[in-house]
C-alpha atoms as a PDB file:
ATOM      1  CA  MET A   1     -10.879  34.887 -59.489  1.00  0.00           C
ATOM      2  CA  ALA A   2     -11.080  35.124 -55.694  1.00  0.00           C
ATOM      3  CA  ILE A   3     -10.175  31.987 -53.741  1.00  0.00           C
ATOM      4  CA  THR A   4     -12.895  30.924 -51.308  1.00  0.00           C
ATOM      5  CA  LEU A   5     -12.292  28.913 -48.158  1.00  0.00           C
ATOM      6  CA  ASN A   6     -14.156  25.919 -49.558  1.00  0.00           C
ATOM      7  CA  SER A   7     -12.301  25.942 -52.877  1.00  0.00           C
ATOM      8  CA  PHE A   8      -8.988  26.170 -51.051  1.00  0.00           C
ATOM      9  CA  ARG A   9      -9.945  23.267 -48.789  1.00  0.00           C
ATOM     10  CA  GLU A  10     -10.667  21.212 -51.903  1.00  0.00           C
ATOM     11  CA  THR A  11      -7.303  22.188 -53.412  1.00  0.00           C
ATOM     12  CA  VAL A  12      -5.436  21.176 -50.260  1.00  0.00           C
ATOM     13  CA  GLU A  13      -7.324  17.941 -49.724  1.00  0.00           C
ATOM     14  CA  LYS A  14      -6.582  16.793 -53.275  1.00  0.00           C
ATOM     15  CA  VAL A  15      -2.890  16.828 -52.351  1.00  0.00           C
ATOM     16  CA  ILE A  16      -2.582  16.162 -48.631  1.00  0.00           C
ATOM     17  CA  GLY A  17      -5.790  14.239 -48.090  1.00  0.00           C
ATOM     18  CA  LYS A  18      -4.326  11.174 -49.780  1.00  0.00           C
ATOM     19  CA  ARG A  19      -0.876  11.102 -48.206  1.00  0.00           C
ATOM     20  CA  PRO A  20       0.417  10.275 -44.707  1.00  0.00           C
ATOM     21  CA  LYS A  21      -0.212  13.039 -42.215  1.00  0.00           C
ATOM     22  CA  ASP A  22       2.754  15.169 -41.192  1.00  0.00           C
ATOM     23  CA  VAL A  23       3.365  18.460 -39.373  1.00  0.00           C
ATOM     24  CA  PHE A  24       2.077  20.464 -42.360  1.00  0.00           C
ATOM     25  CA  HIS A  25      -1.193  18.556 -42.530  1.00  0.00           C
ATOM     26  CA  SER A  26      -2.064  19.085 -38.860  1.00  0.00           C
ATOM     27  CA  ILE A  27      -1.268  22.827 -38.883  1.00  0.00           C
ATOM     28  CA  LEU A  28      -3.176  23.421 -42.131  1.00  0.00           C
ATOM     29  CA  GLN A  29      -6.201  21.596 -40.795  1.00  0.00           C
ATOM     30  CA  GLU A  30      -6.247  23.690 -37.642  1.00  0.00           C
ATOM     31  CA  GLY A  31      -5.875  26.916 -39.611  1.00  0.00           C
ATOM     32  CA  LEU A  32      -8.635  26.037 -42.053  1.00  0.00           C
ATOM     33  CA  GLU A  33     -10.956  25.198 -39.171  1.00  0.00           C
ATOM     34  CA  GLN A  34     -10.462  28.821 -38.127  1.00  0.00           C
ATOM     35  CA  GLU A  35     -11.097  29.899 -41.745  1.00  0.00           C
ATOM     36  CA  ILE A  36      -7.546  31.177 -42.251  1.00  0.00           C
ATOM     37  CA  ILE A  37      -6.423  30.619 -45.852  1.00  0.00           C
ATOM     38  CA  PRO A  38      -2.594  30.466 -46.089  1.00  0.00           C
ATOM     39  CA  VAL A  39      -0.466  33.210 -47.654  1.00  0.00           C
ATOM     40  CA  ARG A  40      -3.073  35.689 -48.817  1.00  0.00           C
ATOM     41  CA  THR A  41      -2.929  38.135 -45.894  1.00  0.00           C
ATOM     42  CA  LYS A  42      -0.253  39.278 -43.470  1.00  0.00           C
ATOM     43  CA  LYS A  43      -2.337  37.859 -40.620  1.00  0.00           C
ATOM     44  CA  ALA A  44      -2.478  34.446 -42.302  1.00  0.00           C
ATOM     45  CA  ARG A  45       1.277  34.385 -42.871  1.00  0.00           C
ATOM     46  CA  GLN A  46       1.962  35.274 -39.248  1.00  0.00           C
ATOM     47  CA  TYR A  47      -0.510  32.644 -38.048  1.00  0.00           C
ATOM     48  CA  TYR A  48       1.068  29.758 -39.960  1.00  0.00           C
ATOM     49  CA  ARG A  49       4.632  30.905 -39.236  1.00  0.00           C
ATOM     50  CA  GLY A  50       3.802  31.019 -35.535  1.00  0.00           C
ATOM     51  CA  PHE A  51       2.501  27.465 -35.543  1.00  0.00           C
ATOM     52  CA  GLY A  52       5.577  26.310 -37.424  1.00  0.00           C
ATOM     53  CA  ALA A  53       7.844  27.887 -34.807  1.00  0.00           C
ATOM     54  CA  MET A  54       6.014  26.058 -32.020  1.00  0.00           C
ATOM     55  CA  SER A  55       6.270  22.660 -33.695  1.00  0.00           C
ATOM     56  CA  LEU A  56       8.417  20.090 -31.985  1.00  0.00           C
ATOM     57  CA  GLU A  57      11.908  19.210 -33.164  1.00  0.00           C
ATOM     58  CA  SER A  58      10.506  15.798 -34.092  1.00  0.00           C
ATOM     59  CA  SER A  59       8.572  17.464 -36.919  1.00  0.00           C
ATOM     60  CA  LYS A  60      11.482  16.718 -39.240  1.00  0.00           C
ATOM     61  CA  GLU A  61      10.898  13.020 -38.660  1.00  0.00           C
ATOM     62  CA  THR A  62       7.327  13.263 -39.935  1.00  0.00           C
ATOM     63  CA  ILE A  63       8.530  15.155 -43.014  1.00  0.00           C
ATOM     64  CA  PHE A  64      11.062  12.489 -43.961  1.00  0.00           C
ATOM     65  CA  LYS A  65       8.650   9.637 -43.343  1.00  0.00           C
ATOM     66  CA  ASN A  66       6.259  11.028 -45.931  1.00  0.00           C
ATOM     67  CA  ARG A  67       7.440   9.371 -49.124  1.00  0.00           C
ATOM     68  CA  ASP A  68       4.719  11.113 -51.162  1.00  0.00           C
ATOM     69  CA  ARG A  69       6.710  14.354 -50.834  1.00  0.00           C
ATOM     70  CA  ILE A  70       9.751  12.986 -52.664  1.00  0.00           C
ATOM     71  CA  ALA A  71      10.690  14.911 -55.822  1.00  0.00           C
ATOM     72  CA  LYS A  72      12.565  13.076 -58.562  1.00  0.00           C
ATOM     73  CA  LEU A  73      14.251  16.266 -59.744  1.00  0.00           C
ATOM     74  CA  PRO A  74      14.376  19.782 -58.240  1.00  0.00           C
ATOM     75  CA  SER A  75      12.503  22.606 -59.972  1.00  0.00           C
ATOM     76  CA  ILE A  76      13.542  26.248 -59.882  1.00  0.00           C
ATOM     77  CA  GLY A  77      11.365  28.251 -57.499  1.00  0.00           C
ATOM     78  CA  ARG A  78       9.900  25.397 -55.485  1.00  0.00           C
ATOM     79  CA  MET A  79      10.827  24.674 -51.841  1.00  0.00           C
ATOM     80  CA  TYR A  80      12.637  21.538 -50.663  1.00  0.00           C
ATOM     81  CA  PHE A  81      14.063  19.985 -47.514  1.00  0.00           C
ATOM     82  CA  PHE A  82      16.844  17.397 -47.679  1.00  0.00           C
ATOM     83  CA  GLN A  83      19.635  15.958 -45.568  1.00  0.00           C
ATOM     84  CA  TYR A  84      23.110  16.941 -46.670  1.00  0.00           C
ATOM     85  CA  PHE A  85      26.796  16.521 -45.807  1.00  0.00           C
ATOM     86  CA  PRO A  86      29.121  18.864 -47.766  1.00  0.00           C
ATOM     87  CA  LYS A  87      32.089  17.665 -49.759  1.00  0.00           C
ATOM     88  CA  MET A  88      34.408  20.122 -47.963  1.00  0.00           C
ATOM     89  CA  ALA A  89      32.737  19.871 -44.553  1.00  0.00           C
ATOM     90  CA  ASN A  90      36.004  19.961 -42.615  1.00  0.00           C
ATOM     91  CA  GLU A  91      37.111  23.130 -44.399  1.00  0.00           C
ATOM     92  CA  LEU A  92      33.882  25.054 -43.838  1.00  0.00           C
ATOM     93  CA  PRO A  93      33.340  27.145 -40.696  1.00  0.00           C
ATOM     94  CA  TYR A  94      29.915  25.450 -40.375  1.00  0.00           C
ATOM     95  CA  HIS A  95      27.171  23.997 -42.539  1.00  0.00           C
ATOM     96  CA  ASP A  96      23.483  23.092 -42.374  1.00  0.00           C
ATOM     97  CA  ARG A  97      22.781  19.341 -42.433  1.00  0.00           C
ATOM     98  CA  LEU A  98      19.090  19.904 -43.146  1.00  0.00           C
ATOM     99  CA  PRO A  99      18.811  22.696 -45.748  1.00  0.00           C
ATOM    100  CA  MET A 100      15.489  24.300 -46.633  1.00  0.00           C
ATOM    101  CA  ILE A 101      15.966  25.873 -50.035  1.00  0.00           C
ATOM    102  CA  PHE A 102      14.439  27.504 -53.059  1.00  0.00           C
ATOM    103  CA  PRO A 103      16.609  26.408 -56.024  1.00  0.00           C
ATOM    104  CA  ILE A 104      17.507  29.359 -58.250  1.00  0.00           C
ATOM    105  CA  ASP A 105      19.890  27.707 -60.733  1.00  0.00           C
ATOM    106  CA  THR A 106      21.509  24.447 -61.732  1.00  0.00           C
ATOM    107  CA  ILE A 107      25.242  23.743 -61.451  1.00  0.00           C
ATOM    108  CA  ASN A 108      27.371  20.817 -62.560  1.00  0.00           C
ATOM    109  CA  ASN A 109      25.934  17.793 -60.707  1.00  0.00           C
ATOM    110  CA  GLY A 110      23.919  19.959 -58.348  1.00  0.00           C
ATOM    111  CA  ILE A 111      21.829  23.015 -57.619  1.00  0.00           C
ATOM    112  CA  MET A 112      22.310  26.529 -56.292  1.00  0.00           C
ATOM    113  CA  GLY A 113      19.656  27.778 -53.934  1.00  0.00           C
ATOM    114  CA  ILE A 114      18.587  30.094 -51.145  1.00  0.00           C
ATOM    115  CA  ASN A 115      18.852  28.277 -47.802  1.00  0.00           C
ATOM    116  CA  LEU A 116      16.581  30.327 -45.546  1.00  0.00           C
ATOM    117  CA  HIS A 117      18.005  28.695 -42.418  1.00  0.00           C
ATOM    118  CA  TYR A 118      20.962  31.085 -42.628  1.00  0.00           C
ATOM    119  CA  LEU A 119      18.743  33.942 -41.436  1.00  0.00           C
ATOM    120  CA  PRO A 120      17.110  34.486 -37.999  1.00  0.00           C
ATOM    121  CA  LEU A 121      13.333  34.245 -37.991  1.00  0.00           C
ATOM    122  CA  GLN A 122      12.309  37.872 -38.506  1.00  0.00           C
ATOM    123  CA  PRO A 123      14.774  38.642 -41.346  1.00  0.00           C
ATOM    124  CA  ARG A 124      13.796  35.281 -42.824  1.00  0.00           C
ATOM    125  CA  ALA A 125      10.141  36.345 -42.770  1.00  0.00           C
ATOM    126  CA  ALA A 126      10.989  39.689 -44.373  1.00  0.00           C
ATOM    127  CA  LEU A 127      12.842  37.939 -47.196  1.00  0.00           C
ATOM    128  CA  MET A 128       9.972  35.483 -47.679  1.00  0.00           C
ATOM    129  CA  ASP A 129       7.486  38.353 -47.908  1.00  0.00           C
ATOM    130  CA  ALA A 130       9.621  39.869 -50.655  1.00  0.00           C
ATOM    131  CA  LEU A 131       9.929  36.527 -52.460  1.00  0.00           C
ATOM    132  CA  TYR A 132       6.159  36.176 -52.576  1.00  0.00           C
ATOM    133  CA  THR A 133       6.137  39.018 -55.114  1.00  0.00           C
ATOM    134  CA  LEU A 134       7.833  36.574 -57.516  1.00  0.00           C
ATOM    135  CA  ALA A 135       5.087  33.938 -57.256  1.00  0.00           C
ATOM    136  CA  SER A 136       4.011  32.501 -60.600  1.00  0.00           C
ATOM    137  CA  ASP A 137       0.334  33.014 -59.714  1.00  0.00           C
ATOM    138  CA  ASN A 138      -1.901  34.034 -56.832  1.00  0.00           C
ATOM    139  CA  THR A 139      -3.688  30.717 -56.371  1.00  0.00           C
ATOM    140  CA  TYR A 140      -0.922  29.238 -54.164  1.00  0.00           C
ATOM    141  CA  ASP A 141      -1.741  25.660 -54.999  1.00  0.00           C
ATOM    142  CA  ASP A 142       0.497  22.683 -55.713  1.00  0.00           C
ATOM    143  CA  LYS A 143       1.609  24.225 -59.050  1.00  0.00           C
ATOM    144  CA  THR A 144       2.721  27.617 -57.700  1.00  0.00           C
ATOM    145  CA  ARG A 145       6.445  28.417 -57.737  1.00  0.00           C
ATOM    146  CA  LEU A 146       8.699  31.459 -57.587  1.00  0.00           C
ATOM    147  CA  ARG A 147       9.874  33.015 -60.862  1.00  0.00           C
ATOM    148  CA  ILE A 148      13.341  33.378 -59.450  1.00  0.00           C
ATOM    149  CA  SER A 149      16.964  33.701 -60.581  1.00  0.00           C
ATOM    150  CA  TYR A 150      20.173  35.198 -59.275  1.00  0.00           C
ATOM    151  CA  GLN A 151      19.862  38.032 -61.785  1.00  0.00           C
ATOM    152  CA  ILE A 152      16.373  38.933 -60.546  1.00  0.00           C
ATOM    153  CA  LEU A 153      17.402  38.821 -56.892  1.00  0.00           C
ATOM    154  CA  LYS A 154      20.505  40.939 -57.117  1.00  0.00           C
ATOM    155  CA  VAL A 155      18.901  43.968 -58.796  1.00  0.00           C
ATOM    156  CA  ALA A 156      16.227  44.774 -56.173  1.00  0.00           C
ATOM    157  CA  SER A 157      17.061  46.015 -52.680  1.00  0.00           C
ATOM    158  CA  LYS A 158      14.023  44.266 -51.206  1.00  0.00           C
ATOM    159  CA  PHE A 159      15.777  40.927 -51.845  1.00  0.00           C
ATOM    160  CA  SER A 160      19.133  42.004 -50.326  1.00  0.00           C
ATOM    161  CA  MET A 161      18.940  39.492 -47.468  1.00  0.00           C
ATOM    162  CA  PHE A 162      19.252  36.606 -49.919  1.00  0.00           C
ATOM    163  CA  ARG A 163      23.014  37.078 -50.362  1.00  0.00           C
ATOM    164  CA  PRO A 164      24.346  35.138 -47.323  1.00  0.00           C
ATOM    165  CA  CYS A 165      21.792  32.396 -48.010  1.00  0.00           C
ATOM    166  CA  ILE A 166      23.091  31.419 -51.462  1.00  0.00           C
ATOM    167  CA  LYS A 167      24.623  27.929 -51.283  1.00  0.00           C
ATOM    168  CA  LYS A 168      25.581  25.174 -53.699  1.00  0.00           C
ATOM    169  CA  TYR A 169      24.561  21.559 -53.152  1.00  0.00           C
ATOM    170  CA  LEU A 170      25.997  18.554 -54.998  1.00  0.00           C
ATOM    171  CA  PHE A 171      23.623  15.704 -55.745  1.00  0.00           C
ATOM    172  CA  ASN A 172      26.173  13.065 -54.751  1.00  0.00           C
ATOM    173  CA  HIS A 173      26.391  14.558 -51.257  1.00  0.00           C
ATOM    174  CA  LEU A 174      22.661  14.441 -50.560  1.00  0.00           C
ATOM    175  CA  GLN A 175      21.903  12.013 -47.746  1.00  0.00           C
ATOM    176  CA  SER A 176      18.193  11.833 -48.481  1.00  0.00           C
ATOM    177  CA  PRO A 177      15.820  12.469 -51.371  1.00  0.00           C
ATOM    178  CA  LEU A 178      14.451  15.963 -51.934  1.00  0.00           C
ATOM    179  CA  PHE A 179      11.192  16.477 -50.033  1.00  0.00           C
ATOM    180  CA  GLU A 180       8.943  19.127 -51.572  1.00  0.00           C
ATOM    181  CA  VAL A 181       6.970  21.725 -49.614  1.00  0.00           C
ATOM    182  CA  LYS A 182       3.925  23.083 -51.462  1.00  0.00           C
ATOM    183  CA  SER A 183       3.359  26.834 -51.755  1.00  0.00           C
ATOM    184  CA  TYR A 184       0.523  26.880 -49.215  1.00  0.00           C
ATOM    185  CA  GLU A 185       2.927  25.254 -46.717  1.00  0.00           C
ATOM    186  CA  TRP A 186       5.836  27.668 -47.177  1.00  0.00           C
ATOM    187  CA  ASP A 187       4.980  29.785 -44.151  1.00  0.00           C
ATOM    188  CA  ILE A 188       4.753  26.718 -41.910  1.00  0.00           C
ATOM    189  CA  ALA A 189       8.131  25.489 -43.133  1.00  0.00           C
ATOM    190  CA  LEU A 190       9.685  28.927 -42.760  1.00  0.00           C
ATOM    191  CA  PHE A 191       9.820  28.827 -38.950  1.00  0.00           C
ATOM    192  CA  LEU A 192      10.017  25.076 -38.309  1.00  0.00           C
ATOM    193  CA  PRO A 193      12.823  24.468 -35.754  1.00  0.00           C
ATOM    194  CA  VAL A 194      14.667  21.945 -37.901  1.00  0.00           C
ATOM    195  CA  GLU A 195      18.001  23.673 -38.644  1.00  0.00           C
ATOM    196  CA  MET A 196      20.951  21.340 -38.115  1.00  0.00           C
ATOM    197  CA  PHE A 197      24.080  23.502 -38.170  1.00  0.00           C
ATOM    198  CA  ALA A 198      27.333  21.724 -37.393  1.00  0.00           C
ATOM    199  CA  VAL A 199      31.095  22.056 -37.689  1.00  0.00           C
ATOM    200  CA  GLY A 200      32.878  19.326 -39.642  1.00  0.00           C
ATOM    201  CA  SER A 201      31.604  15.871 -38.695  1.00  0.00           C
ATOM    202  CA  ALA A 202      30.534  16.939 -35.191  1.00  0.00           C
ATOM    203  CA  SER A 203      26.919  16.685 -34.085  1.00  0.00           C
ATOM    204  CA  PRO A 204      24.605  19.626 -34.870  1.00  0.00           C
ATOM    205  CA  ASN A 205      24.719  22.369 -32.231  1.00  0.00           C
ATOM    206  CA  PRO A 206      22.159  25.162 -31.636  1.00  0.00           C
ATOM    207  CA  GLY A 207      25.025  27.480 -30.716  1.00  0.00           C
ATOM    208  CA  ILE A 208      26.414  27.062 -34.230  1.00  0.00           C
ATOM    209  CA  THR A 209      23.016  27.987 -35.641  1.00  0.00           C
ATOM    210  CA  GLY A 210      23.075  31.287 -33.757  1.00  0.00           C
ATOM    211  CA  LEU A 211      26.614  32.015 -34.924  1.00  0.00           C
ATOM    212  CA  ALA A 212      25.793  31.238 -38.564  1.00  0.00           C
ATOM    213  CA  GLN A 213      22.741  33.476 -38.518  1.00  0.00           C
ATOM    214  CA  LYS A 214      24.554  36.345 -36.797  1.00  0.00           C
ATOM    215  CA  GLU A 215      27.353  36.218 -39.340  1.00  0.00           C
ATOM    216  CA  SER A 216      24.788  36.176 -42.153  1.00  0.00           C
ATOM    217  CA  LEU A 217      23.294  39.430 -40.875  1.00  0.00           C
ATOM    218  CA  ASP A 218      26.770  40.934 -40.674  1.00  0.00           C
ATOM    219  CA  ARG A 219      27.242  40.211 -44.395  1.00  0.00           C
ATOM    220  CA  ILE A 220      24.042  41.865 -45.613  1.00  0.00           C
END
């Protein structure tokens, strides 16, 4: 059944209308006022990604203040933000302190996932467009997820950019809860300027972000 603008508004308001406003809420409201339903067209994806890219660095503060986003346990194929400090931080060339991931598998005391921050914006968008083909449904509501696994990803060339993004995260090294991003917010999250790449215990550095993303492209 086709999704109308009004029915989508109702779907969104059931979830975000009752929780504290954050960067996702304000961008969705502006888009819906222009009658742009997220995800369903290339134009809509570009619109919401563009607004995400223009959001202020402080947007991560509004995400982590919204306690209604907290997930008790991660689910395969949903998107999460969280703060993280790796166990072997001083032995890694760099790491992302604020991963944005789609979990694809569980590991002992943790999860394996695709951290999209390891790609520059345009390759990141291309990978996200490919991942949309794995969506569990075409309603893109709060129940939608990706039907995703390492086995599925590695057999299709359209997913090839996922390889440098695969990372493992231990639960006892999380420095915050997991904050869920709903499917109709994925494109906003995709370009949010919230990467926090760092070396060892040093402060995050935008130059490290550029290096990490360049080296990711070199490994594809």
